[in-house]
Each structure stands twice: as structure tokens, then as C-alpha cells.
């Protein structure tokens, strides 16, 4: 999610877990491969055992995914101009815009604000989840996966 476009500025890196609709949102320094790689390493440290695959768009910021996710997850790329292949993520990016409108500089917000937005998205009950929140669904699924891996 890009804020006010005025050269090199902060952007939001968003990941949406497909099954539970759980969102991971990180404020990164710029829309470049190094910033994405750095943030992704932190996400892998936190959720690595749960990441099985990543579907990204074809932006240059995702060119280093292979290096970061090698041996961790499968990587898939959406076709150019085919945002419908990542429809859930695009829908969640629109939901982020409720809190951080287009044209609003992301340089003026901090990690605390991003964390609040992430928390609100993950605590919003979803019909597709039978009115569970993504956070509840993710916790159940994570426990199931970790239990299966330890058995």
C-alpha cells in the first residue's frame, strides 16, 4: 500500500493468510527489494513455521523473495495486470484505506498506528469465517499446524 507519491517514502507491506484472512501489515522504509527483504525476514522469524507459500505481484520490490524464502515457502507470482489473482489481499488493502486514506503520507504515521490498523482488521468478524475473527481463526489454525508438526 503506497501513500502519497512523492519519491522515496514509507509504504505498507501487507500479507493476508489465505485460509483465515489474517493480515500482517508492516511499515517499511520504501518500495524496494531491500526494504521488503528486511521486513520479510522479521515476518519469517515470527511466523516462519506457518508460511507455506507466498503469492506476490510482479513489482521490482519482490525480486529478492527467492533469497529470503528459499527453503521456507513456495513463491508464486500473479500475472501482470491481474490483481484479481490476489483478490483477498486487494480487498484487505482497500480495508486499510478506511484508516489510512489514499494520498495520506505514510511517513507521518508510526508502527503503533500500523499495529492498530492490523489489529482492527484481524478483530473484524467475517462472514466467510462464519463470523469468527481472522485472529481467532488464525490462532486455531496455527495451533493445529504446530500440533501436527510436533506429533
N, C-alpha and C. Protein backbone atom coordinates (compact mmCIF):
# COMPACT_ATOMS: atom_id res chain seq x y z
N UNK A 1 0.86 -1.16 0.00
CA UNK A 1 0.00 0.00 0.00
C UNK A 1 0.91 1.22 0.00
N UNK A 2 0.74 2.05 -0.99
CA UNK A 2 1.57 3.23 -1.15
C UNK A 2 0.80 4.45 -0.68
N UNK A 3 1.47 5.33 0.03
CA UNK A 3 0.84 6.57 0.49
C UNK A 3 0.97 7.63 -0.58
N UNK A 4 1.21 8.84 -0.16
CA UNK A 4 1.39 9.97 -1.06
C UNK A 4 2.63 9.72 -1.90
N UNK A 5 2.50 9.82 -3.19
CA UNK A 5 3.63 9.52 -4.07
C UNK A 5 4.47 10.77 -4.29
N UNK A 6 5.57 10.83 -3.59
CA UNK A 6 6.46 11.98 -3.74
C UNK A 6 7.90 11.52 -3.65
N UNK A 7 8.23 10.50 -4.43
CA UNK A 7 9.58 9.98 -4.40
C UNK A 7 9.71 8.82 -3.45
N UNK A 8 10.82 8.76 -2.74
CA UNK A 8 11.12 7.65 -1.83
C UNK A 8 10.48 7.91 -0.47
N UNK A 9 9.47 7.14 -0.15
CA UNK A 9 8.84 7.29 1.17
C UNK A 9 8.34 5.95 1.67
N UNK A 10 7.90 5.94 2.91
CA UNK A 10 7.42 4.71 3.54
C UNK A 10 6.19 4.16 2.83
N UNK A 11 6.08 2.82 2.86
CA UNK A 11 4.93 2.12 2.30
C UNK A 11 4.52 1.02 3.27
N UNK A 12 3.35 0.44 3.05
CA UNK A 12 2.91 -0.69 3.86
C UNK A 12 3.10 -1.97 3.08
N UNK A 13 3.71 -2.94 3.71
CA UNK A 13 3.84 -4.28 3.15
C UNK A 13 2.74 -5.11 3.80
N UNK A 14 1.89 -5.71 2.98
CA UNK A 14 0.75 -6.46 3.52
C UNK A 14 0.79 -7.91 3.07
N UNK A 15 0.52 -8.80 4.01
CA UNK A 15 0.36 -10.22 3.73
C UNK A 15 -0.99 -10.63 4.30
N UNK A 16 -1.73 -11.40 3.54
CA UNK A 16 -3.02 -11.91 4.01
C UNK A 16 -2.98 -13.42 3.95
N UNK A 17 -3.17 -14.07 5.09
CA UNK A 17 -3.20 -15.52 5.13
C UNK A 17 -4.49 -15.97 4.47
N UNK A 18 -4.37 -16.84 3.51
CA UNK A 18 -5.47 -17.21 2.63
C UNK A 18 -6.64 -17.87 3.34
N UNK A 19 -6.37 -18.81 4.21
CA UNK A 19 -7.44 -19.61 4.83
C UNK A 19 -8.19 -18.85 5.93
N UNK A 20 -7.46 -18.11 6.75
CA UNK A 20 -8.07 -17.44 7.91
C UNK A 20 -8.27 -15.94 7.70
N UNK A 21 -7.75 -15.41 6.60
CA UNK A 21 -7.84 -13.98 6.29
C UNK A 21 -7.09 -13.10 7.30
N UNK A 22 -6.14 -13.71 8.00
CA UNK A 22 -5.33 -12.97 8.98
C UNK A 22 -4.37 -12.05 8.23
N UNK A 23 -4.31 -10.79 8.64
CA UNK A 23 -3.44 -9.81 7.99
C UNK A 23 -2.18 -9.55 8.78
N UNK A 24 -1.08 -9.43 8.05
CA UNK A 24 0.18 -8.98 8.62
C UNK A 24 0.52 -7.71 7.86
N UNK A 25 0.66 -6.61 8.58
CA UNK A 25 0.91 -5.30 7.96
C UNK A 25 2.16 -4.72 8.59
N UNK A 26 3.12 -4.34 7.75
CA UNK A 26 4.36 -3.75 8.25
C UNK A 26 4.65 -2.45 7.51
N UNK A 27 5.08 -1.45 8.26
CA UNK A 27 5.52 -0.19 7.68
C UNK A 27 6.98 -0.36 7.31
N UNK A 28 7.30 -0.16 6.04
CA UNK A 28 8.69 -0.30 5.60
C UNK A 28 9.17 1.01 4.98
N UNK A 29 10.48 1.17 4.92
CA UNK A 29 11.08 2.45 4.53
C UNK A 29 10.83 2.84 3.08
N UNK A 30 10.67 1.88 2.20
CA UNK A 30 10.47 2.23 0.80
C UNK A 30 9.99 1.04 0.00
N UNK A 31 9.61 1.32 -1.23
CA UNK A 31 9.10 0.28 -2.12
C UNK A 31 10.28 -0.28 -2.93
N UNK A 32 11.20 -0.93 -2.22
CA UNK A 32 12.37 -1.51 -2.87
C UNK A 32 12.63 -2.90 -2.30
N UNK A 33 13.40 -3.69 -3.02
CA UNK A 33 13.65 -5.08 -2.65
C UNK A 33 14.32 -5.22 -1.28
N UNK A 34 15.24 -4.32 -0.95
CA UNK A 34 15.94 -4.41 0.34
C UNK A 34 14.98 -4.20 1.51
N UNK A 35 14.10 -3.22 1.40
CA UNK A 35 13.13 -2.96 2.48
C UNK A 35 12.17 -4.13 2.65
N UNK A 36 11.70 -4.69 1.53
CA UNK A 36 10.79 -5.83 1.58
C UNK A 36 11.51 -7.04 2.18
N UNK A 37 12.74 -7.28 1.77
CA UNK A 37 13.51 -8.42 2.29
C UNK A 37 13.71 -8.31 3.79
N UNK A 38 14.06 -7.11 4.25
CA UNK A 38 14.29 -6.90 5.68
C UNK A 38 13.01 -7.18 6.47
N UNK A 39 11.89 -6.65 6.01
CA UNK A 39 10.61 -6.87 6.70
C UNK A 39 10.21 -8.34 6.65
N UNK A 40 10.44 -8.97 5.52
CA UNK A 40 10.07 -10.37 5.36
C UNK A 40 10.88 -11.28 6.27
N UNK A 41 12.13 -10.94 6.50
CA UNK A 41 12.94 -11.72 7.44
C UNK A 41 12.34 -11.67 8.84
N UNK A 42 11.85 -10.51 9.24
CA UNK A 42 11.20 -10.38 10.54
C UNK A 42 9.90 -11.17 10.61
N UNK A 43 9.14 -11.15 9.52
CA UNK A 43 7.89 -11.91 9.46
C UNK A 43 8.18 -13.40 9.51
N UNK A 44 9.22 -13.83 8.80
CA UNK A 44 9.61 -15.26 8.83
C UNK A 44 10.06 -15.68 10.22
N UNK A 45 10.75 -14.79 10.93
CA UNK A 45 11.19 -15.12 12.29
C UNK A 45 9.98 -15.32 13.20
N UNK A 46 8.93 -14.57 12.95
CA UNK A 46 7.73 -14.64 13.80
C UNK A 46 6.77 -15.76 13.38
N UNK A 47 6.61 -15.95 12.07
CA UNK A 47 5.60 -16.88 11.56
C UNK A 47 6.16 -17.96 10.65
N UNK A 48 7.48 -18.10 10.57
CA UNK A 48 8.13 -18.98 9.60
C UNK A 48 7.58 -20.38 9.50
N UNK A 49 7.28 -21.00 10.64
CA UNK A 49 6.78 -22.37 10.61
C UNK A 49 5.37 -22.47 10.04
N UNK A 50 4.71 -21.35 9.88
CA UNK A 50 3.33 -21.35 9.38
C UNK A 50 3.24 -20.92 7.92
N UNK A 51 4.32 -20.37 7.36
CA UNK A 51 4.30 -19.89 5.98
C UNK A 51 4.60 -21.05 5.04
N UNK A 52 3.64 -21.36 4.18
CA UNK A 52 3.81 -22.46 3.21
C UNK A 52 4.03 -21.93 1.80
N UNK A 53 3.39 -20.81 1.47
CA UNK A 53 3.56 -20.22 0.15
C UNK A 53 3.26 -18.73 0.22
N UNK A 54 3.79 -18.00 -0.75
CA UNK A 54 3.56 -16.57 -0.87
C UNK A 54 3.22 -16.29 -2.32
N UNK A 55 2.16 -15.52 -2.54
CA UNK A 55 1.81 -15.07 -3.89
C UNK A 55 2.03 -13.57 -3.91
N UNK A 56 2.90 -13.12 -4.80
CA UNK A 56 3.24 -11.70 -4.89
C UNK A 56 2.87 -11.17 -6.26
N UNK A 57 2.83 -9.84 -6.37
CA UNK A 57 2.66 -9.28 -7.70
C UNK A 57 4.05 -9.20 -8.34
N UNK A 58 4.14 -8.63 -9.50
CA UNK A 58 5.40 -8.64 -10.24
C UNK A 58 6.26 -7.40 -10.04
N UNK A 59 6.01 -6.64 -8.98
CA UNK A 59 6.79 -5.44 -8.74
C UNK A 59 8.26 -5.75 -8.46
N UNK A 60 9.10 -4.80 -8.76
CA UNK A 60 10.54 -4.98 -8.54
C UNK A 60 10.88 -5.15 -7.06
N UNK A 61 9.98 -4.69 -6.19
CA UNK A 61 10.22 -4.83 -4.75
C UNK A 61 10.21 -6.29 -4.30
N UNK A 62 9.68 -7.19 -5.14
CA UNK A 62 9.61 -8.61 -4.77
C UNK A 62 10.68 -9.46 -5.47
N UNK A 63 11.70 -8.84 -6.04
CA UNK A 63 12.72 -9.59 -6.76
C UNK A 63 13.59 -10.45 -5.85
N UNK A 64 13.69 -10.12 -4.58
CA UNK A 64 14.56 -10.88 -3.67
C UNK A 64 13.80 -11.92 -2.85
N UNK A 65 12.55 -12.19 -3.19
CA UNK A 65 11.77 -13.17 -2.43
C UNK A 65 12.44 -14.54 -2.42
N UNK A 66 13.01 -14.94 -3.55
CA UNK A 66 13.66 -16.26 -3.62
C UNK A 66 14.77 -16.40 -2.59
N UNK A 67 15.54 -15.35 -2.40
CA UNK A 67 16.64 -15.41 -1.44
C UNK A 67 16.12 -15.52 0.00
N UNK A 68 15.10 -14.75 0.33
CA UNK A 68 14.58 -14.72 1.70
C UNK A 68 13.78 -15.98 2.03
N UNK A 69 12.99 -16.45 1.07
CA UNK A 69 12.07 -17.57 1.34
C UNK A 69 12.59 -18.92 0.88
N UNK A 70 13.83 -18.99 0.42
CA UNK A 70 14.40 -20.25 -0.05
C UNK A 70 14.36 -21.29 1.07
N UNK A 71 13.69 -22.39 0.82
CA UNK A 71 13.58 -23.45 1.82
C UNK A 71 12.51 -23.20 2.87
N UNK A 72 11.87 -22.04 2.83
CA UNK A 72 10.83 -21.70 3.80
C UNK A 72 9.45 -21.89 3.19
N UNK A 73 9.27 -21.35 1.98
CA UNK A 73 7.95 -21.36 1.36
C UNK A 73 8.06 -21.36 -0.16
N UNK A 74 7.02 -21.85 -0.81
CA UNK A 74 6.92 -21.76 -2.26
C UNK A 74 6.51 -20.33 -2.62
N UNK A 75 7.00 -19.85 -3.76
CA UNK A 75 6.70 -18.49 -4.19
C UNK A 75 5.97 -18.55 -5.52
N UNK A 76 4.88 -17.81 -5.60
CA UNK A 76 4.10 -17.71 -6.83
C UNK A 76 3.96 -16.23 -7.15
N UNK A 77 3.93 -15.92 -8.44
CA UNK A 77 3.76 -14.54 -8.88
C UNK A 77 2.48 -14.42 -9.68
N UNK A 78 1.69 -13.41 -9.37
CA UNK A 78 0.48 -13.15 -10.14
C UNK A 78 0.88 -12.66 -11.53
N UNK A 79 0.03 -12.89 -12.49
CA UNK A 79 0.29 -12.40 -13.84
C UNK A 79 0.21 -10.87 -13.84
N UNK A 80 0.96 -10.22 -14.74
CA UNK A 80 0.90 -8.76 -14.82
C UNK A 80 -0.53 -8.27 -15.06
N UNK A 81 -0.89 -7.19 -14.39
CA UNK A 81 -2.22 -6.56 -14.51
C UNK A 81 -3.35 -7.52 -14.16
N UNK A 82 -3.10 -8.44 -13.24
CA UNK A 82 -4.10 -9.44 -12.83
C UNK A 82 -4.28 -9.42 -11.32
N UNK A 83 -4.65 -8.28 -10.79
CA UNK A 83 -4.81 -8.18 -9.34
C UNK A 83 -5.91 -9.10 -8.83
N UNK A 84 -6.80 -9.56 -9.73
CA UNK A 84 -7.85 -10.49 -9.31
C UNK A 84 -7.26 -11.82 -8.85
N UNK A 85 -6.02 -12.12 -9.19
CA UNK A 85 -5.38 -13.34 -8.72
C UNK A 85 -4.98 -13.24 -7.24
N UNK A 86 -5.02 -12.04 -6.73
CA UNK A 86 -4.74 -11.80 -5.31
C UNK A 86 -5.90 -11.00 -4.72
N UNK A 87 -7.11 -11.44 -5.02
CA UNK A 87 -8.31 -10.67 -4.69
C UNK A 87 -8.46 -10.40 -3.19
N UNK A 88 -8.19 -11.40 -2.37
CA UNK A 88 -8.34 -11.22 -0.92
C UNK A 88 -7.39 -10.14 -0.42
N UNK A 89 -6.14 -10.19 -0.89
CA UNK A 89 -5.17 -9.18 -0.47
C UNK A 89 -5.58 -7.79 -0.94
N UNK A 90 -6.08 -7.68 -2.16
CA UNK A 90 -6.53 -6.38 -2.67
C UNK A 90 -7.72 -5.86 -1.86
N UNK A 91 -8.63 -6.74 -1.49
CA UNK A 91 -9.78 -6.35 -0.66
C UNK A 91 -9.30 -5.83 0.69
N UNK A 92 -8.33 -6.51 1.27
CA UNK A 92 -7.82 -6.09 2.57
C UNK A 92 -7.05 -4.77 2.46
N UNK A 93 -6.37 -4.56 1.34
CA UNK A 93 -5.70 -3.27 1.14
C UNK A 93 -6.73 -2.14 1.08
N UNK A 94 -7.89 -2.40 0.46
CA UNK A 94 -8.97 -1.41 0.45
C UNK A 94 -9.47 -1.15 1.88
N UNK A 95 -9.53 -2.19 2.69
CA UNK A 95 -9.96 -2.03 4.08
C UNK A 95 -8.97 -1.17 4.86
N UNK A 96 -7.69 -1.31 4.56
CA UNK A 96 -6.67 -0.48 5.20
C UNK A 96 -6.92 0.99 4.87
N UNK A 97 -7.41 1.25 3.67
CA UNK A 97 -7.67 2.63 3.24
C UNK A 97 -8.76 3.31 4.07
N UNK A 98 -9.57 2.53 4.78
CA UNK A 98 -10.56 3.14 5.69
C UNK A 98 -9.85 3.93 6.78
N UNK A 99 -8.69 3.45 7.17
CA UNK A 99 -7.92 4.07 8.26
C UNK A 99 -6.82 4.99 7.74
N UNK A 100 -6.27 4.65 6.59
CA UNK A 100 -5.18 5.42 6.01
C UNK A 100 -5.54 5.76 4.56
N UNK A 101 -6.28 6.85 4.35
CA UNK A 101 -6.79 7.18 3.02
C UNK A 101 -5.68 7.40 1.99
N UNK A 102 -6.03 7.14 0.74
CA UNK A 102 -5.12 7.36 -0.38
C UNK A 102 -4.69 8.83 -0.38
N UNK A 103 -3.43 9.07 -0.68
CA UNK A 103 -2.92 10.43 -0.69
C UNK A 103 -2.36 10.87 0.66
N UNK A 104 -2.59 10.08 1.70
CA UNK A 104 -2.09 10.36 3.05
C UNK A 104 -0.66 9.85 3.12
N UNK A 105 0.28 10.70 3.48
CA UNK A 105 1.67 10.28 3.56
C UNK A 105 1.88 9.28 4.69
N UNK A 106 2.47 8.15 4.35
CA UNK A 106 2.74 7.13 5.36
C UNK A 106 3.98 7.47 6.19
N UNK A 107 4.69 8.51 5.79
CA UNK A 107 5.84 8.97 6.58
C UNK A 107 5.39 9.61 7.89
N UNK A 108 4.12 10.01 7.95
CA UNK A 108 3.61 10.71 9.14
C UNK A 108 3.04 9.75 10.19
N UNK A 109 2.99 8.46 9.88
CA UNK A 109 2.45 7.50 10.85
C UNK A 109 3.59 6.64 11.39
N UNK A 110 3.35 6.03 12.50
CA UNK A 110 4.37 5.18 13.12
C UNK A 110 3.91 3.74 13.20
N UNK A 111 4.80 2.87 13.67
CA UNK A 111 4.47 1.45 13.82
C UNK A 111 3.26 1.21 14.73
N UNK A 112 3.05 2.08 15.70
CA UNK A 112 1.92 1.93 16.62
C UNK A 112 0.59 2.06 15.86
N UNK A 113 0.52 3.01 14.94
CA UNK A 113 -0.69 3.20 14.13
C UNK A 113 -0.90 2.00 13.22
N UNK A 114 0.17 1.51 12.61
CA UNK A 114 0.07 0.35 11.72
C UNK A 114 -0.40 -0.87 12.51
N UNK A 115 0.13 -1.03 13.71
CA UNK A 115 -0.28 -2.14 14.57
C UNK A 115 -1.76 -2.04 14.92
N UNK A 116 -2.25 -0.83 15.16
CA UNK A 116 -3.67 -0.62 15.47
C UNK A 116 -4.53 -1.00 14.27
N UNK A 117 -4.13 -0.60 13.07
CA UNK A 117 -4.88 -0.94 11.86
C UNK A 117 -4.89 -2.46 11.68
N UNK A 118 -3.73 -3.09 11.81
CA UNK A 118 -3.63 -4.55 11.69
C UNK A 118 -4.55 -5.23 12.71
N UNK A 119 -4.54 -4.76 13.93
CA UNK A 119 -5.36 -5.34 14.98
C UNK A 119 -6.85 -5.19 14.67
N UNK A 120 -7.25 -4.03 14.20
CA UNK A 120 -8.67 -3.82 13.86
C UNK A 120 -9.11 -4.74 12.73
N UNK A 121 -8.27 -4.89 11.72
CA UNK A 121 -8.61 -5.78 10.61
C UNK A 121 -8.76 -7.22 11.09
N UNK A 122 -7.86 -7.63 11.98
CA UNK A 122 -7.87 -9.02 12.45
C UNK A 122 -8.93 -9.30 13.50
N UNK A 123 -9.57 -8.26 14.01
CA UNK A 123 -10.63 -8.44 15.00
C UNK A 123 -12.02 -8.16 14.43
N UNK A 124 -12.10 -8.04 13.12
CA UNK A 124 -13.37 -7.80 12.44
C UNK A 124 -13.98 -9.13 12.02
N UNK A 125 -15.13 -9.52 12.59
CA UNK A 125 -15.74 -10.81 12.22
C UNK A 125 -16.05 -10.85 10.72
N UNK A 126 -15.85 -12.02 10.12
CA UNK A 126 -16.06 -12.18 8.68
C UNK A 126 -17.09 -13.27 8.41
N UNK A 127 -17.98 -12.98 7.49
CA UNK A 127 -18.98 -13.97 7.11
C UNK A 127 -18.33 -15.23 6.57
N UNK A 128 -17.28 -15.06 5.76
CA UNK A 128 -16.60 -16.22 5.16
C UNK A 128 -16.00 -17.14 6.23
N UNK A 129 -15.77 -16.60 7.42
CA UNK A 129 -15.24 -17.39 8.54
C UNK A 129 -16.34 -17.76 9.53
N UNK A 130 -17.58 -17.72 9.08
CA UNK A 130 -18.75 -17.99 9.94
C UNK A 130 -18.74 -17.08 11.16
N UNK A 131 -18.43 -15.82 10.89
CA UNK A 131 -18.43 -14.74 11.87
C UNK A 131 -17.39 -14.88 12.97
N UNK A 132 -16.38 -15.70 12.72
CA UNK A 132 -15.19 -15.68 13.57
C UNK A 132 -14.35 -14.49 13.12
N UNK A 133 -13.45 -14.06 13.96
CA UNK A 133 -12.50 -13.03 13.53
C UNK A 133 -11.30 -13.74 12.90
N UNK A 134 -10.57 -13.06 12.01
CA UNK A 134 -9.35 -13.66 11.47
C UNK A 134 -8.36 -14.06 12.56
N UNK A 135 -8.29 -13.26 13.62
CA UNK A 135 -7.37 -13.58 14.72
C UNK A 135 -7.74 -14.91 15.37
N UNK A 136 -9.03 -15.11 15.65
CA UNK A 136 -9.48 -16.37 16.25
C UNK A 136 -9.21 -17.55 15.32
N UNK A 137 -9.55 -17.38 14.05
CA UNK A 137 -9.35 -18.46 13.07
C UNK A 137 -7.86 -18.78 12.92
N UNK A 138 -7.02 -17.74 12.90
CA UNK A 138 -5.58 -17.94 12.74
C UNK A 138 -5.00 -18.67 13.95
N UNK A 139 -5.41 -18.30 15.14
CA UNK A 139 -4.90 -18.96 16.35
C UNK A 139 -5.27 -20.44 16.36
N UNK A 140 -6.47 -20.76 15.96
CA UNK A 140 -6.91 -22.16 15.89
C UNK A 140 -6.10 -22.92 14.85
N UNK A 141 -5.94 -22.33 13.67
CA UNK A 141 -5.21 -22.98 12.58
C UNK A 141 -3.73 -23.13 12.93
N UNK A 142 -3.13 -22.11 13.53
CA UNK A 142 -1.72 -22.17 13.92
C UNK A 142 -1.50 -23.27 14.95
N UNK A 143 -2.39 -23.38 15.92
CA UNK A 143 -2.28 -24.44 16.93
C UNK A 143 -2.40 -25.82 16.29
N UNK A 144 -3.30 -25.95 15.32
CA UNK A 144 -3.48 -27.22 14.62
C UNK A 144 -2.22 -27.61 13.85
N UNK A 145 -1.64 -26.65 13.14
CA UNK A 145 -0.44 -26.91 12.35
C UNK A 145 0.74 -27.25 13.26
N UNK A 146 0.92 -26.48 14.31
CA UNK A 146 2.04 -26.73 15.22
C UNK A 146 1.89 -28.06 15.94
N UNK A 147 0.68 -28.44 16.26
CA UNK A 147 0.43 -29.74 16.90
C UNK A 147 0.76 -30.87 15.93
N UNK A 148 0.35 -30.71 14.68
CA UNK A 148 0.62 -31.74 13.66
C UNK A 148 2.12 -31.87 13.40
N UNK A 149 2.84 -30.75 13.42
CA UNK A 149 4.28 -30.78 13.17
C UNK A 149 5.05 -31.39 14.34
N UNK A 150 4.54 -31.24 15.55
CA UNK A 150 5.25 -31.77 16.71
C UNK A 150 4.93 -33.24 16.97
N UNK A 151 3.90 -33.74 16.32
CA UNK A 151 3.50 -35.15 16.54
C UNK A 151 4.35 -36.11 15.74
